[in-house]
C-alpha atoms as a PDB file:
ATOM      1  CA  MET A   1      -1.557  -5.231  44.629  1.00  0.00           C
ATOM      2  CA  ILE A   2      -1.470  -2.890  47.600  1.00  0.00           C
ATOM      3  CA  ASP A   3       1.872  -1.744  49.016  1.00  0.00           C
ATOM      4  CA  CYS A   4       1.428  -0.750  52.663  1.00  0.00           C
ATOM      5  CA  ARG A   5       4.953   0.622  53.102  1.00  0.00           C
ATOM      6  CA  GLU A   6       5.760   4.285  53.633  1.00  0.00           C
ATOM      7  CA  PRO A   7       5.852   6.568  50.546  1.00  0.00           C
ATOM      8  CA  GLU A   8       9.688   6.742  50.636  1.00  0.00           C
ATOM      9  CA  GLU A   9       9.951   2.951  50.580  1.00  0.00           C
ATOM     10  CA  PHE A  10       7.408   2.753  47.756  1.00  0.00           C
ATOM     11  CA  ALA A  11       9.329   5.358  45.741  1.00  0.00           C
ATOM     12  CA  ALA A  12      12.524   3.300  46.094  1.00  0.00           C
ATOM     13  CA  GLY A  13      10.886   0.385  44.270  1.00  0.00           C
ATOM     14  CA  ALA A  14       7.477  -1.251  44.128  1.00  0.00           C
ATOM     15  CA  VAL A  15       5.606  -4.027  42.369  1.00  0.00           C
ATOM     16  CA  SER A  16       4.453  -2.737  38.993  1.00  0.00           C
ATOM     17  CA  GLY A  17       0.906  -1.383  39.166  1.00  0.00           C
ATOM     18  CA  ALA A  18       0.682  -1.490  42.965  1.00  0.00           C
ATOM     19  CA  TRP A  19      -1.238   1.135  44.926  1.00  0.00           C
ATOM     20  CA  ASN A  20       0.640   2.729  47.824  1.00  0.00           C
ATOM     21  CA  ILE A  21      -1.669   2.662  50.859  1.00  0.00           C
ATOM     22  CA  PRO A  22       0.620   3.221  53.874  1.00  0.00           C
ATOM     23  CA  LEU A  23      -0.650   1.556  57.041  1.00  0.00           C
ATOM     24  CA  GLN A  24       0.262   4.642  59.085  1.00  0.00           C
ATOM     25  CA  PHE A  25      -2.078   6.765  56.925  1.00  0.00           C
ATOM     26  CA  VAL A  26      -4.904   4.234  57.337  1.00  0.00           C
ATOM     27  CA  GLN A  27      -4.425   4.280  61.109  1.00  0.00           C
ATOM     28  CA  SER A  28      -4.480   8.090  61.170  1.00  0.00           C
ATOM     29  CA  TYR A  29      -7.203   8.894  58.626  1.00  0.00           C
ATOM     30  CA  GLY A  30      -9.198   5.705  58.062  1.00  0.00           C
ATOM     31  CA  LEU A  31      -9.358   3.288  55.173  1.00  0.00           C
ATOM     32  CA  VAL A  32     -12.088   5.101  53.209  1.00  0.00           C
ATOM     33  CA  GLN A  33     -10.257   8.427  53.367  1.00  0.00           C
ATOM     34  CA  VAL A  34      -6.921   6.931  52.284  1.00  0.00           C
ATOM     35  CA  LEU A  35      -8.263   4.631  49.548  1.00  0.00           C
ATOM     36  CA  GLY A  36     -10.729   7.162  48.159  1.00  0.00           C
ATOM     37  CA  MET A  37     -14.102   6.413  46.643  1.00  0.00           C
ATOM     38  CA  ASP A  38     -12.704   5.697  43.148  1.00  0.00           C
ATOM     39  CA  ARG A  39     -10.437   2.913  44.397  1.00  0.00           C
ATOM     40  CA  ILE A  40     -13.133   1.507  46.670  1.00  0.00           C
ATOM     41  CA  HIS A  41     -15.510   1.387  43.697  1.00  0.00           C
ATOM     42  CA  GLU A  42     -12.795  -0.281  41.622  1.00  0.00           C
ATOM     43  CA  LEU A  43     -12.158  -2.942  44.293  1.00  0.00           C
ATOM     44  CA  LEU A  44     -15.841  -3.697  44.866  1.00  0.00           C
ATOM     45  CA  SER A  45     -17.134  -3.405  41.304  1.00  0.00           C
ATOM     46  CA  GLU A  46     -14.653  -3.397  38.445  1.00  0.00           C
ATOM     47  CA  ARG A  47     -12.207  -5.853  40.078  1.00  0.00           C
ATOM     48  CA  ARG A  48     -14.680  -7.787  42.214  1.00  0.00           C
ATOM     49  CA  ASN A  49     -13.433 -11.138  40.898  1.00  0.00           C
ATOM     50  CA  GLN A  50      -9.730 -10.440  41.485  1.00  0.00           C
ATOM     51  CA  LEU A  51      -7.608 -11.111  44.534  1.00  0.00           C
ATOM     52  CA  VAL A  52      -6.399  -8.185  46.638  1.00  0.00           C
ATOM     53  CA  VAL A  53      -2.734  -8.880  47.400  1.00  0.00           C
ATOM     54  CA  ILE A  54      -1.169  -6.770  50.145  1.00  0.00           C
ATOM     55  CA  TYR A  55       2.550  -6.563  50.816  1.00  0.00           C
ATOM     56  CA  SER A  56       5.192  -4.759  52.847  1.00  0.00           C
ATOM     57  CA  ASN A  57       8.954  -5.342  53.168  1.00  0.00           C
ATOM     58  CA  THR A  58       8.473  -8.766  54.720  1.00  0.00           C
ATOM     59  CA  SER A  59       5.466 -10.854  55.623  1.00  0.00           C
ATOM     60  CA  ALA A  60       6.103 -11.508  59.314  1.00  0.00           C
ATOM     61  CA  PRO A  61       3.383 -12.379  61.869  1.00  0.00           C
ATOM     62  CA  PHE A  62       3.242  -8.764  63.124  1.00  0.00           C
ATOM     63  CA  SER A  63       3.938  -6.973  59.841  1.00  0.00           C
ATOM     64  CA  ARG A  64       2.234  -3.892  58.425  1.00  0.00           C
ATOM     65  CA  CYS A  65       0.901  -6.168  55.708  1.00  0.00           C
ATOM     66  CA  ARG A  66      -0.966  -8.362  58.166  1.00  0.00           C
ATOM     67  CA  ALA A  67      -2.333  -5.325  60.006  1.00  0.00           C
ATOM     68  CA  LEU A  68      -3.666  -3.782  56.775  1.00  0.00           C
ATOM     69  CA  CYS A  69      -5.290  -7.096  55.837  1.00  0.00           C
ATOM     70  CA  ARG A  70      -7.164  -6.997  59.144  1.00  0.00           C
ATOM     71  CA  TRP A  71      -8.240  -3.369  58.575  1.00  0.00           C
ATOM     72  CA  MET A  72      -9.572  -4.219  55.116  1.00  0.00           C
ATOM     73  CA  LEU A  73     -11.427  -7.288  56.322  1.00  0.00           C
ATOM     74  CA  ARG A  74     -13.083  -5.331  59.137  1.00  0.00           C
ATOM     75  CA  ALA A  75     -14.001  -2.425  56.860  1.00  0.00           C
ATOM     76  CA  GLY A  76     -15.387  -4.590  54.080  1.00  0.00           C
ATOM     77  CA  HIS A  77     -16.794  -7.475  56.088  1.00  0.00           C
ATOM     78  CA  ALA A  78     -19.972  -7.733  53.980  1.00  0.00           C
ATOM     79  CA  SER A  79     -18.678  -6.615  50.588  1.00  0.00           C
ATOM     80  CA  LEU A  80     -15.065  -7.818  50.577  1.00  0.00           C
ATOM     81  CA  PRO A  81     -14.931 -11.562  51.267  1.00  0.00           C
ATOM     82  CA  THR A  82     -12.007 -13.006  53.201  1.00  0.00           C
ATOM     83  CA  ALA A  83     -11.138 -15.249  50.254  1.00  0.00           C
ATOM     84  CA  ARG A  84     -10.147 -12.188  48.176  1.00  0.00           C
ATOM     85  CA  ILE A  85      -7.526 -10.873  50.620  1.00  0.00           C
ATOM     86  CA  ARG A  86      -3.997 -12.307  50.437  1.00  0.00           C
ATOM     87  CA  ARG A  87      -0.552 -11.376  51.743  1.00  0.00           C
ATOM     88  CA  LEU A  88       2.491 -11.624  49.507  1.00  0.00           C
ATOM     89  CA  ARG A  89       4.559 -14.344  51.149  1.00  0.00           C
ATOM     90  CA  GLY A  90       7.987 -12.963  52.016  1.00  0.00           C
ATOM     91  CA  GLY A  91       6.930  -9.426  51.149  1.00  0.00           C
ATOM     92  CA  VAL A  92       8.581  -7.262  48.543  1.00  0.00           C
ATOM     93  CA  ALA A  93      11.944  -8.773  49.530  1.00  0.00           C
ATOM     94  CA  ALA A  94      10.806 -12.105  48.074  1.00  0.00           C
ATOM     95  CA  TRP A  95       9.198 -10.625  44.932  1.00  0.00           C
ATOM     96  CA  GLY A  96      11.061 -12.196  42.043  1.00  0.00           C
ATOM     97  CA  HIS A  97       9.849  -9.920  39.274  1.00  0.00           C
ATOM     98  CA  GLU A  98      10.845  -6.514  37.990  1.00  0.00           C
ATOM     99  CA  MET A  99      10.218  -3.543  40.269  1.00  0.00           C
ATOM    100  CA  GLN A 100       9.059  -0.148  39.097  1.00  0.00           C
ATOM    101  CA  HIS A 101      10.402   3.116  40.470  1.00  0.00           C
ATOM    102  CA  PRO A 102       7.419   5.475  40.743  1.00  0.00           C
ATOM    103  CA  ARG A 103       8.088   9.197  40.640  1.00  0.00           C
END
């Protein structure tokens, strides 16, 4: 799970185990710089058979979530198939499970 909200929003409550990859940081510094080589390796090697679920507060047509999905698909067009990328329908607001409060 990738949470593309701002760090303050992530700190207020996030899906357990999610990575915080704010869209604003990706736009400013690039996906590789923000994700880091360890996470890229994890996505492409160790977790290559798992879905990549991206979420923000809501999952609207022009949401941060949708924008980050597009960034990831463009960046990983050969190594990250479209079928692996998903948006969390309804965003974190619709998440029906326990939230963690990262420090």
